[in-house]
């Protein structure tokens, strides 16, 4: 019976240590032009699924507010992440595109890369370490 209790105790200890390293990410979306609609912020950890909101690690939706909007992702483990956010002015739950390629609503990416064509995970990737992190994203219209 002792080996079973020892294994269980060790497992519980390892599980509690993993959560001790969980951190928070604060995302400041700057340059929101009006209070219309929603702000949607997707957090990605997989480069193949970047920008595919249905596959985001987490998505936060908040009411739009002109100026800067802050959202918080909690309990993140250390690793590489990327953010894609957009101002869903018509609140239809997706980023509207002209000709299927050009955003017609404000959007922003972590690292604020200048991109031509679809942005990649690598363009926007940042590393979460063992401390809370705050990043600023410029909203482009």
Foldseek 3Di string as FASTA:
>chain_A
DVVVVVVVVVVVVVVVVQQLLKAKEKEKEFAQAAQAAKKKKFKAQDQVCPPVRVPGPDIDIDGDHGGIDMDMDTRHHWHKMKMKMWGPRVHPPDFDADVVWHTPTWMWIAVRADDDGDDTSVRGIDTDDSYYYYGYIYIDD
